Amino acid sequence: MFRRTFWFTAGAAAGVWATTKVNRKIRSLTPESLAAQAANKAIDAGHRLKDFALDVRDGMAQREAELGEVLGLDGRPDPGLPAQRRTGAAGRLAGDQQIKYIENTTYTYNRNEDH
């Protein structure tokens, strides 16, 4: 009698466990769930990419500081050198007239600058 009750209870528990597991898997494979999982993975990948870019930028700044120290570049210009030009040659027209869209822009024209 106890043996039959044990196996009946074990079978019922296994059935409930299997049904719950199958229902969870079915819910995880719905289009809405798959879209949410893909969005979460894309957000995580974006965060990892941003962290990588910040690490690279920190490494570049550190290396630039090391190179500046080794080369003796301390940011102060030599007083014997001419002053740095403020406007580019492409921004000038004949007659010393400035192109209007260049003087009102916030963009820099250094193509080697980190964007």
N, C-alpha and C. Protein backbone atom coordinates (compact mmCIF):
# COMPACT_ATOMS: atom_id res chain seq x y z
N MET A 1 0.82 -1.20 0.00
CA MET A 1 0.00 0.00 0.00
C MET A 1 0.87 1.26 0.00
N PHE A 2 1.90 1.26 0.88
CA PHE A 2 2.78 2.44 0.92
C PHE A 2 3.59 2.57 -0.36
N ARG A 3 3.95 1.45 -0.93
CA ARG A 3 4.73 1.48 -2.14
C ARG A 3 3.92 2.10 -3.28
N ARG A 4 2.65 1.77 -3.42
CA ARG A 4 1.79 2.36 -4.44
C ARG A 4 1.60 3.85 -4.21
N THR A 5 1.44 4.24 -2.99
CA THR A 5 1.26 5.66 -2.66
C THR A 5 2.53 6.44 -2.98
N PHE A 6 3.68 5.85 -2.65
CA PHE A 6 4.95 6.51 -2.95
C PHE A 6 5.11 6.74 -4.45
N TRP A 7 4.87 5.71 -5.26
CA TRP A 7 5.07 5.84 -6.70
C TRP A 7 4.02 6.75 -7.33
N PHE A 8 2.80 6.73 -6.80
CA PHE A 8 1.77 7.64 -7.30
C PHE A 8 2.18 9.09 -7.02
N THR A 9 2.66 9.37 -5.81
CA THR A 9 3.10 10.72 -5.45
C THR A 9 4.32 11.14 -6.27
N ALA A 10 5.27 10.22 -6.45
CA ALA A 10 6.46 10.53 -7.24
C ALA A 10 6.07 10.83 -8.69
N GLY A 11 5.15 10.08 -9.26
CA GLY A 11 4.69 10.32 -10.63
C GLY A 11 3.97 11.64 -10.77
N ALA A 12 3.13 11.97 -9.80
CA ALA A 12 2.41 13.25 -9.83
C ALA A 12 3.39 14.41 -9.72
N ALA A 13 4.38 14.28 -8.85
CA ALA A 13 5.39 15.35 -8.69
C ALA A 13 6.20 15.51 -9.97
N ALA A 14 6.58 14.40 -10.60
CA ALA A 14 7.33 14.47 -11.86
C ALA A 14 6.48 15.10 -12.95
N GLY A 15 5.21 14.80 -12.99
CA GLY A 15 4.31 15.39 -13.98
C GLY A 15 4.17 16.89 -13.79
N VAL A 16 4.01 17.31 -12.54
CA VAL A 16 3.90 18.76 -12.26
C VAL A 16 5.20 19.45 -12.62
N TRP A 17 6.34 18.86 -12.26
CA TRP A 17 7.64 19.46 -12.58
C TRP A 17 7.83 19.59 -14.10
N ALA A 18 7.50 18.50 -14.84
CA ALA A 18 7.68 18.52 -16.29
C ALA A 18 6.74 19.53 -16.95
N THR A 19 5.51 19.61 -16.49
CA THR A 19 4.56 20.57 -17.05
C THR A 19 5.01 22.00 -16.81
N THR A 20 5.50 22.28 -15.61
CA THR A 20 5.99 23.62 -15.30
C THR A 20 7.19 23.97 -16.16
N LYS A 21 8.10 23.03 -16.31
CA LYS A 21 9.30 23.27 -17.12
C LYS A 21 8.94 23.53 -18.59
N VAL A 22 8.03 22.75 -19.14
CA VAL A 22 7.61 22.91 -20.54
C VAL A 22 6.90 24.26 -20.71
N ASN A 23 6.04 24.64 -19.79
CA ASN A 23 5.32 25.92 -19.90
C ASN A 23 6.29 27.10 -19.83
N ARG A 24 7.31 27.03 -18.98
CA ARG A 24 8.31 28.09 -18.91
C ARG A 24 9.07 28.21 -20.23
N LYS A 25 9.42 27.06 -20.81
CA LYS A 25 10.17 27.07 -22.07
C LYS A 25 9.30 27.63 -23.20
N ILE A 26 8.04 27.28 -23.21
CA ILE A 26 7.13 27.80 -24.24
C ILE A 26 6.99 29.31 -24.10
N ARG A 27 6.85 29.81 -22.87
CA ARG A 27 6.76 31.27 -22.65
C ARG A 27 8.03 31.98 -23.06
N SER A 28 9.19 31.32 -22.88
CA SER A 28 10.45 31.98 -23.23
C SER A 28 10.68 32.02 -24.74
N LEU A 29 9.91 31.23 -25.51
CA LEU A 29 10.07 31.20 -26.95
C LEU A 29 9.00 31.99 -27.70
N THR A 30 8.20 32.77 -27.00
CA THR A 30 7.22 33.61 -27.69
C THR A 30 7.95 34.77 -28.37
N PRO A 31 7.38 35.35 -29.42
CA PRO A 31 8.04 36.46 -30.11
C PRO A 31 8.35 37.64 -29.19
N GLU A 32 7.45 37.96 -28.29
CA GLU A 32 7.68 39.08 -27.37
C GLU A 32 8.87 38.80 -26.46
N SER A 33 8.96 37.59 -25.96
CA SER A 33 10.07 37.22 -25.08
C SER A 33 11.39 37.21 -25.83
N LEU A 34 11.37 36.69 -27.07
CA LEU A 34 12.60 36.68 -27.87
C LEU A 34 13.04 38.11 -28.20
N ALA A 35 12.09 39.00 -28.48
CA ALA A 35 12.44 40.39 -28.77
C ALA A 35 13.04 41.06 -27.53
N ALA A 36 12.46 40.78 -26.37
CA ALA A 36 12.99 41.37 -25.14
C ALA A 36 14.39 40.84 -24.84
N GLN A 37 14.62 39.55 -25.07
CA GLN A 37 15.95 38.99 -24.86
C GLN A 37 16.97 39.60 -25.81
N ALA A 38 16.58 39.79 -27.08
CA ALA A 38 17.49 40.39 -28.05
C ALA A 38 17.80 41.84 -27.67
N ALA A 39 16.78 42.57 -27.21
CA ALA A 39 17.01 43.96 -26.80
C ALA A 39 17.94 44.03 -25.60
N ASN A 40 17.76 43.14 -24.65
CA ASN A 40 18.64 43.12 -23.47
C ASN A 40 20.07 42.80 -23.86
N LYS A 41 20.25 41.86 -24.78
CA LYS A 41 21.61 41.52 -25.22
C LYS A 41 22.24 42.67 -25.99
N ALA A 42 21.44 43.38 -26.79
CA ALA A 42 21.97 44.53 -27.52
C ALA A 42 22.39 45.64 -26.56
N ILE A 43 21.60 45.87 -25.53
CA ILE A 43 21.95 46.89 -24.54
C ILE A 43 23.23 46.49 -23.80
N ASP A 44 23.33 45.22 -23.43
CA ASP A 44 24.55 44.75 -22.76
C ASP A 44 25.77 44.90 -23.66
N ALA A 45 25.62 44.57 -24.95
CA ALA A 45 26.73 44.71 -25.88
C ALA A 45 27.12 46.18 -26.02
N GLY A 46 26.13 47.07 -26.04
CA GLY A 46 26.42 48.50 -26.11
C GLY A 46 27.19 48.98 -24.89
N HIS A 47 26.80 48.50 -23.72
CA HIS A 47 27.52 48.88 -22.49
C HIS A 47 28.95 48.37 -22.51
N ARG A 48 29.14 47.13 -22.97
CA ARG A 48 30.50 46.59 -23.05
C ARG A 48 31.35 47.35 -24.05
N LEU A 49 30.73 47.74 -25.18
CA LEU A 49 31.45 48.51 -26.19
C LEU A 49 31.83 49.89 -25.67
N LYS A 50 30.92 50.51 -24.93
CA LYS A 50 31.20 51.83 -24.35
C LYS A 50 32.33 51.72 -23.32
N ASP A 51 32.28 50.69 -22.48
CA ASP A 51 33.36 50.49 -21.50
C ASP A 51 34.70 50.29 -22.19
N PHE A 52 34.69 49.52 -23.29
CA PHE A 52 35.92 49.30 -24.05
C PHE A 52 36.44 50.62 -24.62
N ALA A 53 35.54 51.41 -25.19
CA ALA A 53 35.96 52.70 -25.76
C ALA A 53 36.52 53.62 -24.68
N LEU A 54 35.92 53.63 -23.51
CA LEU A 54 36.44 54.45 -22.41
C LEU A 54 37.81 53.97 -21.96
N ASP A 55 37.99 52.65 -21.92
CA ASP A 55 39.30 52.10 -21.55
C ASP A 55 40.36 52.48 -22.58
N VAL A 56 39.98 52.40 -23.86
CA VAL A 56 40.93 52.79 -24.92
C VAL A 56 41.27 54.26 -24.80
N ARG A 57 40.27 55.11 -24.55
CA ARG A 57 40.51 56.54 -24.42
C ARG A 57 41.41 56.84 -23.23
N ASP A 58 41.19 56.15 -22.12
CA ASP A 58 42.06 56.34 -20.95
C ASP A 58 43.49 55.91 -21.27
N GLY A 59 43.63 54.78 -21.96
CA GLY A 59 44.95 54.31 -22.34
C GLY A 59 45.65 55.28 -23.28
N MET A 60 44.89 55.86 -24.21
CA MET A 60 45.48 56.83 -25.14
C MET A 60 45.95 58.07 -24.39
N ALA A 61 45.12 58.55 -23.46
CA ALA A 61 45.51 59.73 -22.70
C ALA A 61 46.76 59.46 -21.85
N GLN A 62 46.81 58.27 -21.26
CA GLN A 62 47.97 57.91 -20.46
C GLN A 62 49.22 57.82 -21.33
N ARG A 63 49.09 57.19 -22.50
CA ARG A 63 50.25 57.06 -23.39
C ARG A 63 50.68 58.42 -23.93
N GLU A 64 49.71 59.28 -24.23
CA GLU A 64 50.04 60.62 -24.70
C GLU A 64 50.79 61.40 -23.63
N ALA A 65 50.36 61.25 -22.37
CA ALA A 65 51.06 61.92 -21.27
C ALA A 65 52.48 61.37 -21.13
N GLU A 66 52.63 60.06 -21.27
CA GLU A 66 53.97 59.45 -21.18
C GLU A 66 54.87 59.97 -22.29
N LEU A 67 54.33 60.01 -23.52
CA LEU A 67 55.12 60.51 -24.65
C LEU A 67 55.45 61.98 -24.48
N GLY A 68 54.50 62.77 -23.99
CA GLY A 68 54.76 64.19 -23.75
C GLY A 68 55.84 64.39 -22.72
N GLU A 69 55.85 63.54 -21.70
CA GLU A 69 56.87 63.64 -20.66
C GLU A 69 58.24 63.26 -21.21
N VAL A 70 58.28 62.19 -22.00
CA VAL A 70 59.55 61.74 -22.57
C VAL A 70 60.10 62.76 -23.57
N LEU A 71 59.21 63.34 -24.38
CA LEU A 71 59.65 64.29 -25.41
C LEU A 71 59.82 65.71 -24.88
N GLY A 72 59.45 65.93 -23.63
CA GLY A 72 59.62 67.25 -23.03
C GLY A 72 58.54 68.25 -23.44
N LEU A 73 57.37 67.76 -23.81
CA LEU A 73 56.27 68.64 -24.17
C LEU A 73 55.43 68.90 -22.93
N ASP A 74 55.55 70.08 -22.37
CA ASP A 74 54.80 70.38 -21.15
C ASP A 74 53.62 71.30 -21.40
N GLY A 75 53.28 71.58 -22.66
CA GLY A 75 52.12 72.39 -22.97
C GLY A 75 52.39 73.87 -23.03
N ARG A 76 53.53 74.34 -22.57
CA ARG A 76 53.86 75.76 -22.65
C ARG A 76 54.68 76.01 -23.91
N PRO A 77 54.20 76.89 -24.80
CA PRO A 77 54.94 77.12 -26.04
C PRO A 77 56.22 77.92 -25.78
N ASP A 78 57.18 77.69 -26.63
CA ASP A 78 58.45 78.41 -26.57
C ASP A 78 58.20 79.85 -26.98
N PRO A 79 58.61 80.85 -26.16
CA PRO A 79 58.34 82.24 -26.51
C PRO A 79 59.03 82.69 -27.79
N GLY A 80 60.04 81.98 -28.24
CA GLY A 80 60.74 82.35 -29.46
C GLY A 80 60.01 81.91 -30.72
N LEU A 81 58.99 81.06 -30.60
CA LEU A 81 58.26 80.56 -31.76
C LEU A 81 57.10 81.49 -32.10
N PRO A 82 56.68 81.53 -33.37
CA PRO A 82 55.52 82.35 -33.72
C PRO A 82 54.25 81.78 -33.10
N ALA A 83 53.24 82.64 -32.94
CA ALA A 83 51.98 82.22 -32.33
C ALA A 83 51.25 81.24 -33.25
N GLN A 84 50.43 80.38 -32.65
CA GLN A 84 49.68 79.41 -33.41
C GLN A 84 48.57 80.10 -34.19
N ARG A 85 48.32 79.65 -35.43
CA ARG A 85 47.25 80.23 -36.23
C ARG A 85 45.91 79.73 -35.69
N ARG A 86 44.94 80.61 -35.62
CA ARG A 86 43.63 80.27 -35.08
C ARG A 86 42.64 79.83 -36.15
N THR A 87 42.77 80.32 -37.38
CA THR A 87 41.83 79.96 -38.44
C THR A 87 42.57 79.17 -39.50
N GLY A 88 41.84 78.28 -40.16
CA GLY A 88 42.44 77.48 -41.22
C GLY A 88 42.52 78.25 -42.52
N ALA A 89 43.38 77.82 -43.39
CA ALA A 89 43.55 78.48 -44.68
C ALA A 89 42.33 78.29 -45.55
N ALA A 90 41.58 77.21 -45.37
CA ALA A 90 40.40 76.96 -46.19
C ALA A 90 39.26 77.91 -45.85
N GLY A 91 39.31 78.54 -44.71
CA GLY A 91 38.25 79.44 -44.29
C GLY A 91 38.40 80.85 -44.83
N ARG A 92 39.38 81.11 -45.63
CA ARG A 92 39.64 82.46 -46.14
C ARG A 92 39.25 82.56 -47.61
N LEU A 93 38.69 83.71 -47.97
CA LEU A 93 38.37 84.02 -49.36
C LEU A 93 39.25 85.16 -49.83
N ALA A 94 39.19 85.42 -51.11
CA ALA A 94 39.93 86.56 -51.65
C ALA A 94 39.38 87.84 -51.02
N GLY A 95 40.24 88.75 -50.71
CA GLY A 95 39.81 89.99 -50.09
C GLY A 95 39.65 89.86 -48.59
N ASP A 96 40.15 88.80 -48.01
CA ASP A 96 40.12 88.59 -46.56
C ASP A 96 38.70 88.48 -46.00
N GLN A 97 37.78 87.89 -46.76
CA GLN A 97 36.41 87.69 -46.29
C GLN A 97 36.27 86.27 -45.76
N GLN A 98 35.65 86.13 -44.62
CA GLN A 98 35.46 84.83 -43.98
C GLN A 98 34.20 84.16 -44.53
N ILE A 99 34.25 82.84 -44.75
CA ILE A 99 33.06 82.11 -45.16
C ILE A 99 32.13 82.03 -43.95
N LYS A 100 30.84 82.36 -44.16
CA LYS A 100 29.90 82.50 -43.03
C LYS A 100 29.67 81.19 -42.28
N TYR A 101 29.53 80.07 -42.98
CA TYR A 101 29.22 78.84 -42.27
C TYR A 101 30.39 78.32 -41.46
N ILE A 102 31.61 78.72 -41.75
CA ILE A 102 32.76 78.24 -40.98
C ILE A 102 32.88 79.00 -39.66
N GLU A 103 32.58 80.27 -39.66
CA GLU A 103 32.77 81.03 -38.42
C GLU A 103 31.67 80.75 -37.40
N ASN A 104 30.54 80.21 -37.81
CA ASN A 104 29.44 79.97 -36.88
C ASN A 104 29.30 78.51 -36.47
N THR A 105 30.20 77.66 -36.90
CA THR A 105 30.09 76.25 -36.59
C THR A 105 30.80 75.91 -35.28
N THR A 106 30.38 74.80 -34.69
CA THR A 106 31.01 74.34 -33.44
C THR A 106 31.96 73.18 -33.70
N TYR A 107 32.07 72.73 -34.96
CA TYR A 107 32.91 71.59 -35.28
C TYR A 107 34.37 72.02 -35.41
N THR A 108 35.25 71.11 -35.07
CA THR A 108 36.67 71.35 -35.28
C THR A 108 37.06 70.77 -36.62
N TYR A 109 38.16 71.23 -37.15
CA TYR A 109 38.58 70.77 -38.46
C TYR A 109 39.82 69.91 -38.39
N ASN A 110 40.11 69.36 -37.24
CA ASN A 110 41.23 68.46 -37.06
C ASN A 110 40.73 67.05 -37.33
N ARG A 111 41.12 66.45 -38.42
CA ARG A 111 40.63 65.12 -38.79
C ARG A 111 41.21 64.03 -37.90
N ASN A 112 42.30 64.33 -37.18
CA ASN A 112 42.92 63.33 -36.32
C ASN A 112 42.36 63.35 -34.91
N GLU A 113 41.42 64.23 -34.66
CA GLU A 113 40.85 64.37 -33.33
C GLU A 113 39.96 63.17 -33.01
N ASP A 114 39.95 62.75 -31.78
CA ASP A 114 39.12 61.65 -31.34
C ASP A 114 37.67 62.11 -31.31
N HIS A 115 36.79 61.37 -31.99
CA HIS A 115 35.37 61.76 -32.06
C HIS A 115 34.55 60.89 -31.17
